[in-house]
């Protein structure tokens, strides 16, 4: 039995990992990121937990050491705007920030993971615990797309991979061969709302894996919440690069069908 630690952000991924890890009989502790979930993950669901602000790196390390964590997993979305608005870093976080290389927001996660490994913790990949949740290729759910929409999926995948290479984001919205919107620091949901105000019926949302993606960190993820935002925005088509993570795949497919949103793996 190992002790697994989750750094838990927002969304359905942390609870899914809790279920998967506990099913394997491992001990589980959680660092809940303050302000990211209405209901933190606490005992008795897990063996130990703490809730800390994003910049409290020293306290997080102390907790991981006290729990004798063998492996650390980054799980869920982190509000990246906190780095530009409300960050209150401790001394350990200040060291990280001062030494950050150029290259986009993912550099923060890489720097944190490197620091954890330097302190003796193994940083694992959440997707290794959820192999049945990875998107395959082909038609996954909802209505089937026209030739024109499929062409936009191919084009959009190229755009999404391009912004990923530049460390801008993971998601693009295209329509009839034109780029409608790309994801940046505001996050996927805010970008989808914006895209829906510009193009609706035939627009295609495309999520891609960054060519330089560290599979342990920030793997592109969709779930029922993504579909609900798309529905509100009037967006009907979603394409995922094969290997993206689908939260609760069976529920996701059923909801896509119910909302008349076509989903493809590319």
C-alpha atoms as a PDB file:
ATOM      1  CA  UNK A   1       0.000   0.000   0.000  1.00  0.00           C
ATOM      2  CA  UNK A   2       1.241   3.467  -0.926  1.00  0.00           C
ATOM      3  CA  UNK A   3       0.227   6.905   0.269  1.00  0.00           C
ATOM      4  CA  UNK A   4      -1.061   8.947  -2.653  1.00  0.00           C
ATOM      5  CA  UNK A   5      -1.512  12.706  -2.361  1.00  0.00           C
ATOM      6  CA  UNK A   6      -3.851  14.795  -4.506  1.00  0.00           C
ATOM      7  CA  UNK A   7      -3.336  18.498  -5.117  1.00  0.00           C
ATOM      8  CA  UNK A   8      -7.034  19.081  -5.759  1.00  0.00           C
ATOM      9  CA  UNK A   9      -8.320  21.895  -7.939  1.00  0.00           C
ATOM     10  CA  UNK A  10     -11.784  22.488  -9.350  1.00  0.00           C
ATOM     11  CA  UNK A  11     -13.989  19.972 -11.155  1.00  0.00           C
ATOM     12  CA  UNK A  12     -14.965  16.316 -11.244  1.00  0.00           C
ATOM     13  CA  UNK A  13     -11.460  14.881 -11.697  1.00  0.00           C
ATOM     14  CA  UNK A  14     -10.386  14.887  -8.012  1.00  0.00           C
ATOM     15  CA  UNK A  15     -13.468  12.917  -6.810  1.00  0.00           C
ATOM     16  CA  UNK A  16     -13.003  10.427  -9.660  1.00  0.00           C
ATOM     17  CA  UNK A  17      -9.391   9.903  -8.636  1.00  0.00           C
ATOM     18  CA  UNK A  18     -10.409   9.454  -5.008  1.00  0.00           C
ATOM     19  CA  UNK A  19     -12.682   6.590  -6.079  1.00  0.00           C
ATOM     20  CA  UNK A  20     -10.046   5.004  -8.337  1.00  0.00           C
ATOM     21  CA  UNK A  21      -7.238   5.230  -5.791  1.00  0.00           C
ATOM     22  CA  UNK A  22      -9.287   3.992  -2.843  1.00  0.00           C
ATOM     23  CA  UNK A  23     -10.493   1.060  -4.970  1.00  0.00           C
ATOM     24  CA  UNK A  24      -6.835  -0.019  -5.200  1.00  0.00           C
ATOM     25  CA  UNK A  25      -6.527   0.011  -1.417  1.00  0.00           C
ATOM     26  CA  UNK A  26      -4.035   2.865  -1.134  1.00  0.00           C
ATOM     27  CA  UNK A  27      -3.926   5.480   1.587  1.00  0.00           C
ATOM     28  CA  UNK A  28      -5.014   8.882   0.275  1.00  0.00           C
ATOM     29  CA  UNK A  29      -4.414  12.437   1.442  1.00  0.00           C
ATOM     30  CA  UNK A  30      -5.571  15.672  -0.213  1.00  0.00           C
ATOM     31  CA  UNK A  31      -4.407  19.266  -0.437  1.00  0.00           C
ATOM     32  CA  UNK A  32      -7.566  21.205  -1.335  1.00  0.00           C
ATOM     33  CA  UNK A  33      -6.828  24.478  -3.115  1.00  0.00           C
ATOM     34  CA  UNK A  34      -8.736  27.202  -1.323  1.00  0.00           C
ATOM     35  CA  UNK A  35     -11.585  28.751  -3.293  1.00  0.00           C
ATOM     36  CA  UNK A  36     -11.589  26.075  -6.001  1.00  0.00           C
ATOM     37  CA  UNK A  37     -14.352  23.768  -4.742  1.00  0.00           C
ATOM     38  CA  UNK A  38     -17.517  24.495  -2.781  1.00  0.00           C
ATOM     39  CA  UNK A  39     -17.118  21.173  -0.967  1.00  0.00           C
ATOM     40  CA  UNK A  40     -13.473  20.264  -0.187  1.00  0.00           C
ATOM     41  CA  UNK A  41     -12.455  16.616  -0.173  1.00  0.00           C
ATOM     42  CA  UNK A  42     -12.074  15.719   3.502  1.00  0.00           C
ATOM     43  CA  UNK A  43     -12.229  12.653   5.781  1.00  0.00           C
ATOM     44  CA  UNK A  44     -13.938  10.208   5.924  1.00  0.00           C
ATOM     45  CA  UNK A  45     -13.751  10.213   2.093  1.00  0.00           C
ATOM     46  CA  UNK A  46      -9.961  10.317   2.393  1.00  0.00           C
ATOM     47  CA  UNK A  47      -7.469   9.565   5.147  1.00  0.00           C
ATOM     48  CA  UNK A  48      -6.236  13.127   5.695  1.00  0.00           C
ATOM     49  CA  UNK A  49      -6.703  16.554   4.169  1.00  0.00           C
ATOM     50  CA  UNK A  50      -5.833  20.220   4.414  1.00  0.00           C
ATOM     51  CA  UNK A  51      -7.084  23.331   2.615  1.00  0.00           C
ATOM     52  CA  UNK A  52      -4.487  25.877   1.529  1.00  0.00           C
ATOM     53  CA  UNK A  53      -4.308  28.930  -0.740  1.00  0.00           C
ATOM     54  CA  UNK A  54      -2.466  28.486  -4.035  1.00  0.00           C
ATOM     55  CA  UNK A  55       0.681  30.273  -2.830  1.00  0.00           C
ATOM     56  CA  UNK A  56       1.149  28.267   0.392  1.00  0.00           C
ATOM     57  CA  UNK A  57       3.871  25.995  -0.991  1.00  0.00           C
ATOM     58  CA  UNK A  58       5.768  25.516   2.289  1.00  0.00           C
ATOM     59  CA  UNK A  59       2.651  24.375   4.164  1.00  0.00           C
ATOM     60  CA  UNK A  60       1.780  21.982   1.345  1.00  0.00           C
ATOM     61  CA  UNK A  61       5.246  20.414   1.455  1.00  0.00           C
ATOM     62  CA  UNK A  62       5.039  20.082   5.241  1.00  0.00           C
ATOM     63  CA  UNK A  63       1.680  18.320   4.926  1.00  0.00           C
ATOM     64  CA  UNK A  64       3.022  15.919   2.275  1.00  0.00           C
ATOM     65  CA  UNK A  65       6.005  15.088   4.487  1.00  0.00           C
ATOM     66  CA  UNK A  66       3.821  14.596   7.565  1.00  0.00           C
ATOM     67  CA  UNK A  67       1.676  12.178   5.551  1.00  0.00           C
ATOM     68  CA  UNK A  68       4.735  10.336   4.158  1.00  0.00           C
ATOM     69  CA  UNK A  69       3.346  10.750   0.634  1.00  0.00           C
ATOM     70  CA  UNK A  70       4.886   8.400  -1.917  1.00  0.00           C
ATOM     71  CA  UNK A  71       3.267   9.896  -5.012  1.00  0.00           C
ATOM     72  CA  UNK A  72       1.707  13.287  -5.747  1.00  0.00           C
ATOM     73  CA  UNK A  73      -0.997  13.863  -8.376  1.00  0.00           C
ATOM     74  CA  UNK A  74      -2.165  17.225  -9.716  1.00  0.00           C
ATOM     75  CA  UNK A  75      -5.928  16.915 -10.204  1.00  0.00           C
ATOM     76  CA  UNK A  76      -8.559  19.378 -11.398  1.00  0.00           C
ATOM     77  CA  UNK A  77      -8.520  22.872 -12.804  1.00  0.00           C
ATOM     78  CA  UNK A  78      -6.523  25.667 -11.220  1.00  0.00           C
ATOM     79  CA  UNK A  79      -7.650  29.248 -11.694  1.00  0.00           C
ATOM     80  CA  UNK A  80      -4.579  30.632 -13.447  1.00  0.00           C
ATOM     81  CA  UNK A  81      -5.790  34.208 -13.053  1.00  0.00           C
ATOM     82  CA  UNK A  82      -4.889  33.934  -9.365  1.00  0.00           C
ATOM     83  CA  UNK A  83      -1.262  34.280 -10.461  1.00  0.00           C
ATOM     84  CA  UNK A  84      -2.052  37.751 -11.784  1.00  0.00           C
ATOM     85  CA  UNK A  85      -4.690  38.934  -9.268  1.00  0.00           C
ATOM     86  CA  UNK A  86      -4.680  37.457  -5.787  1.00  0.00           C
ATOM     87  CA  UNK A  87      -1.493  35.443  -5.319  1.00  0.00           C
ATOM     88  CA  UNK A  88       0.044  35.716  -1.848  1.00  0.00           C
ATOM     89  CA  UNK A  89       3.162  33.575  -2.138  1.00  0.00           C
ATOM     90  CA  UNK A  90       5.143  32.301   0.810  1.00  0.00           C
ATOM     91  CA  UNK A  91       8.948  32.202   0.691  1.00  0.00           C
ATOM     92  CA  UNK A  92       9.052  28.824  -1.092  1.00  0.00           C
ATOM     93  CA  UNK A  93       6.624  30.095  -3.735  1.00  0.00           C
ATOM     94  CA  UNK A  94       8.653  33.286  -4.163  1.00  0.00           C
ATOM     95  CA  UNK A  95      11.730  31.184  -4.934  1.00  0.00           C
ATOM     96  CA  UNK A  96       9.759  29.358  -7.628  1.00  0.00           C
ATOM     97  CA  UNK A  97       8.403  32.549  -9.172  1.00  0.00           C
ATOM     98  CA  UNK A  98      11.792  34.248  -9.197  1.00  0.00           C
ATOM     99  CA  UNK A  99      13.380  31.336 -11.054  1.00  0.00           C
ATOM    100  CA  UNK A 100      10.602  30.680 -13.575  1.00  0.00           C
ATOM    101  CA  UNK A 101      11.758  30.413 -17.192  1.00  0.00           C
ATOM    102  CA  UNK A 102       9.813  32.004 -20.012  1.00  0.00           C
ATOM    103  CA  UNK A 103       7.322  29.827 -21.882  1.00  0.00           C
ATOM    104  CA  UNK A 104       3.724  30.173 -20.745  1.00  0.00           C
ATOM    105  CA  UNK A 105       1.548  29.306 -17.786  1.00  0.00           C
ATOM    106  CA  UNK A 106       2.453  25.603 -17.779  1.00  0.00           C
ATOM    107  CA  UNK A 107       5.926  26.576 -16.643  1.00  0.00           C
ATOM    108  CA  UNK A 108       4.416  27.125 -13.183  1.00  0.00           C
ATOM    109  CA  UNK A 109       3.177  23.531 -12.906  1.00  0.00           C
ATOM    110  CA  UNK A 110       6.453  22.170 -14.260  1.00  0.00           C
ATOM    111  CA  UNK A 111       8.417  24.234 -11.751  1.00  0.00           C
ATOM    112  CA  UNK A 112       6.247  22.977  -8.874  1.00  0.00           C
ATOM    113  CA  UNK A 113       6.577  19.350 -10.010  1.00  0.00           C
ATOM    114  CA  UNK A 114      10.369  19.709 -10.358  1.00  0.00           C
ATOM    115  CA  UNK A 115      10.539  21.185  -6.869  1.00  0.00           C
ATOM    116  CA  UNK A 116       8.480  18.331  -5.416  1.00  0.00           C
ATOM    117  CA  UNK A 117      10.666  15.717  -7.081  1.00  0.00           C
ATOM    118  CA  UNK A 118      13.777  17.488  -5.793  1.00  0.00           C
ATOM    119  CA  UNK A 119      12.328  17.080  -2.297  1.00  0.00           C
ATOM    120  CA  UNK A 120      11.872  13.346  -2.812  1.00  0.00           C
ATOM    121  CA  UNK A 121       8.242  13.051  -3.933  1.00  0.00           C
ATOM    122  CA  UNK A 122       7.298  11.159  -7.080  1.00  0.00           C
ATOM    123  CA  UNK A 123       4.930  13.162  -9.303  1.00  0.00           C
ATOM    124  CA  UNK A 124       2.514  10.820 -11.064  1.00  0.00           C
ATOM    125  CA  UNK A 125       0.057  11.054 -13.959  1.00  0.00           C
ATOM    126  CA  UNK A 126      -3.679  11.108 -13.091  1.00  0.00           C
ATOM    127  CA  UNK A 127      -4.494   9.471 -16.426  1.00  0.00           C
ATOM    128  CA  UNK A 128      -2.638   6.329 -15.311  1.00  0.00           C
ATOM    129  CA  UNK A 129      -5.404   5.827 -12.743  1.00  0.00           C
ATOM    130  CA  UNK A 130      -8.211   6.413 -15.273  1.00  0.00           C
ATOM    131  CA  UNK A 131      -7.247   4.526 -18.459  1.00  0.00           C
ATOM    132  CA  UNK A 132     -10.885   3.965 -19.488  1.00  0.00           C
ATOM    133  CA  UNK A 133     -11.503   7.713 -19.598  1.00  0.00           C
ATOM    134  CA  UNK A 134      -9.170   8.562 -22.491  1.00  0.00           C
ATOM    135  CA  UNK A 135     -10.864   9.704 -25.705  1.00  0.00           C
ATOM    136  CA  UNK A 136     -10.521   7.287 -28.655  1.00  0.00           C
ATOM    137  CA  UNK A 137     -10.772   8.267 -32.314  1.00  0.00           C
ATOM    138  CA  UNK A 138     -14.080   8.358 -34.175  1.00  0.00           C
ATOM    139  CA  UNK A 139     -17.658   9.415 -33.513  1.00  0.00           C
ATOM    140  CA  UNK A 140     -18.189   9.375 -29.743  1.00  0.00           C
ATOM    141  CA  UNK A 141     -21.647  10.800 -29.088  1.00  0.00           C
ATOM    142  CA  UNK A 142     -24.531  12.884 -30.375  1.00  0.00           C
ATOM    143  CA  UNK A 143     -25.374  13.662 -33.997  1.00  0.00           C
ATOM    144  CA  UNK A 144     -23.007  12.851 -36.834  1.00  0.00           C
ATOM    145  CA  UNK A 145     -21.205  15.731 -38.482  1.00  0.00           C
ATOM    146  CA  UNK A 146     -21.319  16.871 -42.098  1.00  0.00           C
ATOM    147  CA  UNK A 147     -18.239  16.833 -44.313  1.00  0.00           C
ATOM    148  CA  UNK A 148     -17.845  20.583 -43.769  1.00  0.00           C
ATOM    149  CA  UNK A 149     -17.891  20.234 -39.990  1.00  0.00           C
ATOM    150  CA  UNK A 150     -15.365  17.380 -40.142  1.00  0.00           C
ATOM    151  CA  UNK A 151     -13.114  19.635 -42.217  1.00  0.00           C
ATOM    152  CA  UNK A 152     -13.370  22.298 -39.502  1.00  0.00           C
ATOM    153  CA  UNK A 153     -12.413  19.683 -36.909  1.00  0.00           C
ATOM    154  CA  UNK A 154      -9.229  18.937 -38.849  1.00  0.00           C
ATOM    155  CA  UNK A 155      -8.494  22.648 -39.222  1.00  0.00           C
ATOM    156  CA  UNK A 156      -9.325  23.348 -35.574  1.00  0.00           C
ATOM    157  CA  UNK A 157      -7.030  20.572 -34.367  1.00  0.00           C
ATOM    158  CA  UNK A 158      -4.172  22.229 -36.250  1.00  0.00           C
ATOM    159  CA  UNK A 159      -4.992  25.579 -34.599  1.00  0.00           C
ATOM    160  CA  UNK A 160      -5.363  24.084 -31.117  1.00  0.00           C
ATOM    161  CA  UNK A 161      -2.047  22.249 -31.431  1.00  0.00           C
ATOM    162  CA  UNK A 162      -0.455  25.500 -32.611  1.00  0.00           C
ATOM    163  CA  UNK A 163      -1.579  27.529 -29.607  1.00  0.00           C
ATOM    164  CA  UNK A 164      -0.519  24.602 -27.429  1.00  0.00           C
ATOM    165  CA  UNK A 165       2.986  24.733 -28.867  1.00  0.00           C
ATOM    166  CA  UNK A 166       3.099  28.421 -27.934  1.00  0.00           C
ATOM    167  CA  UNK A 167       1.832  27.607 -24.379  1.00  0.00           C
ATOM    168  CA  UNK A 168      -1.243  29.817 -24.909  1.00  0.00           C
ATOM    169  CA  UNK A 169      -4.004  27.272 -24.279  1.00  0.00           C
ATOM    170  CA  UNK A 170      -5.471  23.923 -25.314  1.00  0.00           C
ATOM    171  CA  UNK A 171      -8.763  24.820 -27.002  1.00  0.00           C
ATOM    172  CA  UNK A 172      -9.857  26.660 -30.143  1.00  0.00           C
ATOM    173  CA  UNK A 173     -13.233  27.393 -31.735  1.00  0.00           C
ATOM    174  CA  UNK A 174     -13.426  27.527 -35.527  1.00  0.00           C
ATOM    175  CA  UNK A 175     -16.234  28.002 -38.027  1.00  0.00           C
ATOM    176  CA  UNK A 176     -16.121  27.519 -41.794  1.00  0.00           C
ATOM    177  CA  UNK A 177     -12.348  27.688 -41.926  1.00  0.00           C
ATOM    178  CA  UNK A 178     -12.026  30.765 -39.686  1.00  0.00           C
ATOM    179  CA  UNK A 179     -10.694  31.009 -36.138  1.00  0.00           C
ATOM    180  CA  UNK A 180     -13.441  32.319 -33.861  1.00  0.00           C
ATOM    181  CA  UNK A 181     -11.645  32.169 -30.503  1.00  0.00           C
ATOM    182  CA  UNK A 182      -8.670  30.599 -28.737  1.00  0.00           C
ATOM    183  CA  UNK A 183      -8.299  29.772 -25.073  1.00  0.00           C
ATOM    184  CA  UNK A 184      -5.900  31.823 -22.994  1.00  0.00           C
ATOM    185  CA  UNK A 185      -5.627  32.564 -19.290  1.00  0.00           C
ATOM    186  CA  UNK A 186      -9.416  33.039 -18.865  1.00  0.00           C
ATOM    187  CA  UNK A 187      -9.953  29.273 -19.190  1.00  0.00           C
ATOM    188  CA  UNK A 188     -12.123  27.103 -21.414  1.00  0.00           C
ATOM    189  CA  UNK A 189     -15.562  28.043 -20.063  1.00  0.00           C
ATOM    190  CA  UNK A 190     -15.094  31.799 -20.426  1.00  0.00           C
ATOM    191  CA  UNK A 191     -13.677  31.308 -23.917  1.00  0.00           C
ATOM    192  CA  UNK A 192     -16.676  29.175 -24.937  1.00  0.00           C
ATOM    193  CA  UNK A 193     -19.099  31.847 -23.741  1.00  0.00           C
ATOM    194  CA  UNK A 194     -17.212  34.418 -25.783  1.00  0.00           C
ATOM    195  CA  UNK A 195     -17.131  32.168 -28.854  1.00  0.00           C
ATOM    196  CA  UNK A 196     -20.868  31.596 -28.600  1.00  0.00           C
ATOM    197  CA  UNK A 197     -21.459  35.336 -28.843  1.00  0.00           C
ATOM    198  CA  UNK A 198     -19.548  35.365 -32.135  1.00  0.00           C
ATOM    199  CA  UNK A 199     -20.589  32.118 -33.853  1.00  0.00           C
ATOM    200  CA  UNK A 200     -23.080  29.428 -32.893  1.00  0.00           C
ATOM    201  CA  UNK A 201     -24.728  26.701 -34.967  1.00  0.00           C
ATOM    202  CA  UNK A 202     -21.829  25.444 -37.105  1.00  0.00           C
ATOM    203  CA  UNK A 203     -18.925  26.439 -34.864  1.00  0.00           C
ATOM    204  CA  UNK A 204     -16.612  23.625 -33.740  1.00  0.00           C
ATOM    205  CA  UNK A 205     -14.871  23.445 -30.371  1.00  0.00           C
ATOM    206  CA  UNK A 206     -11.551  21.608 -30.610  1.00  0.00           C
ATOM    207  CA  UNK A 207      -9.405  20.546 -27.661  1.00  0.00           C
ATOM    208  CA  UNK A 208      -5.864  19.276 -28.296  1.00  0.00           C
ATOM    209  CA  UNK A 209      -2.941  17.880 -26.377  1.00  0.00           C
ATOM    210  CA  UNK A 210       0.044  20.213 -26.431  1.00  0.00           C
ATOM    211  CA  UNK A 211       2.831  18.662 -28.534  1.00  0.00           C
ATOM    212  CA  UNK A 212       5.204  19.133 -25.587  1.00  0.00           C
ATOM    213  CA  UNK A 213       2.595  18.014 -23.012  1.00  0.00           C
ATOM    214  CA  UNK A 214       3.866  16.586 -19.742  1.00  0.00           C
ATOM    215  CA  UNK A 215       1.276  13.813 -19.295  1.00  0.00           C
ATOM    216  CA  UNK A 216       1.440  14.286 -15.521  1.00  0.00           C
ATOM    217  CA  UNK A 217       0.268  17.901 -15.715  1.00  0.00           C
ATOM    218  CA  UNK A 218      -2.866  19.619 -17.037  1.00  0.00           C
ATOM    219  CA  UNK A 219      -4.022  16.916 -19.473  1.00  0.00           C
ATOM    220  CA  UNK A 220      -6.875  18.367 -21.612  1.00  0.00           C
ATOM    221  CA  UNK A 221     -10.142  17.379 -19.954  1.00  0.00           C
ATOM    222  CA  UNK A 222     -13.849  17.600 -20.768  1.00  0.00           C
ATOM    223  CA  UNK A 223     -16.938  16.565 -18.884  1.00  0.00           C
ATOM    224  CA  UNK A 224     -20.650  17.175 -18.555  1.00  0.00           C
ATOM    225  CA  UNK A 225     -19.906  20.716 -17.337  1.00  0.00           C
ATOM    226  CA  UNK A 226     -18.176  21.416 -20.670  1.00  0.00           C
ATOM    227  CA  UNK A 227     -21.272  20.271 -22.556  1.00  0.00           C
ATOM    228  CA  UNK A 228     -23.527  22.468 -20.436  1.00  0.00           C
ATOM    229  CA  UNK A 229     -21.414  25.548 -21.149  1.00  0.00           C
ATOM    230  CA  UNK A 230     -21.445  24.711 -24.860  1.00  0.00           C
ATOM    231  CA  UNK A 231     -25.228  24.349 -24.805  1.00  0.00           C
ATOM    232  CA  UNK A 232     -25.671  27.736 -23.134  1.00  0.00           C
ATOM    233  CA  UNK A 233     -23.328  29.297 -25.669  1.00  0.00           C
ATOM    234  CA  UNK A 234     -25.144  27.684 -28.619  1.00  0.00           C
ATOM    235  CA  UNK A 235     -22.158  25.566 -29.707  1.00  0.00           C
ATOM    236  CA  UNK A 236     -23.055  22.145 -31.188  1.00  0.00           C
ATOM    237  CA  UNK A 237     -19.791  20.378 -32.135  1.00  0.00           C
ATOM    238  CA  UNK A 238     -16.861  19.169 -30.048  1.00  0.00           C
ATOM    239  CA  UNK A 239     -13.690  17.481 -31.293  1.00  0.00           C
ATOM    240  CA  UNK A 240     -11.084  15.990 -28.956  1.00  0.00           C
ATOM    241  CA  UNK A 241      -7.624  14.860 -29.845  1.00  0.00           C
ATOM    242  CA  UNK A 242      -7.367  11.157 -29.001  1.00  0.00           C
ATOM    243  CA  UNK A 243      -5.901  10.836 -25.514  1.00  0.00           C
ATOM    244  CA  UNK A 244      -7.791  13.763 -23.976  1.00  0.00           C
ATOM    245  CA  UNK A 245      -9.503  12.890 -20.705  1.00  0.00           C
ATOM    246  CA  UNK A 246     -13.301  12.480 -20.609  1.00  0.00           C
ATOM    247  CA  UNK A 247     -14.773  12.677 -17.112  1.00  0.00           C
ATOM    248  CA  UNK A 248     -17.404   9.986 -16.468  1.00  0.00           C
ATOM    249  CA  UNK A 249     -17.477   8.842 -20.123  1.00  0.00           C
ATOM    250  CA  UNK A 250     -20.841   7.032 -20.050  1.00  0.00           C
ATOM    251  CA  UNK A 251     -22.616   9.969 -18.413  1.00  0.00           C
ATOM    252  CA  UNK A 252     -20.814  12.345 -20.784  1.00  0.00           C
ATOM    253  CA  UNK A 253     -21.972  10.451 -23.886  1.00  0.00           C
ATOM    254  CA  UNK A 254     -25.555  10.280 -22.662  1.00  0.00           C
ATOM    255  CA  UNK A 255     -25.585  13.993 -21.906  1.00  0.00           C
ATOM    256  CA  UNK A 256     -24.102  14.864 -25.312  1.00  0.00           C
ATOM    257  CA  UNK A 257     -26.898  12.896 -26.963  1.00  0.00           C
ATOM    258  CA  UNK A 258     -29.523  14.586 -24.805  1.00  0.00           C
ATOM    259  CA  UNK A 259     -28.162  18.048 -25.600  1.00  0.00           C
ATOM    260  CA  UNK A 260     -27.763  17.242 -29.321  1.00  0.00           C
ATOM    261  CA  UNK A 261     -24.022  17.988 -29.235  1.00  0.00           C
ATOM    262  CA  UNK A 262     -21.873  15.966 -31.616  1.00  0.00           C
ATOM    263  CA  UNK A 263     -18.597  14.714 -30.166  1.00  0.00           C
ATOM    264  CA  UNK A 264     -15.685  13.237 -32.114  1.00  0.00           C
ATOM    265  CA  UNK A 265     -12.218  11.936 -31.269  1.00  0.00           C
ATOM    266  CA  UNK A 266      -9.559  12.883 -33.786  1.00  0.00           C
END
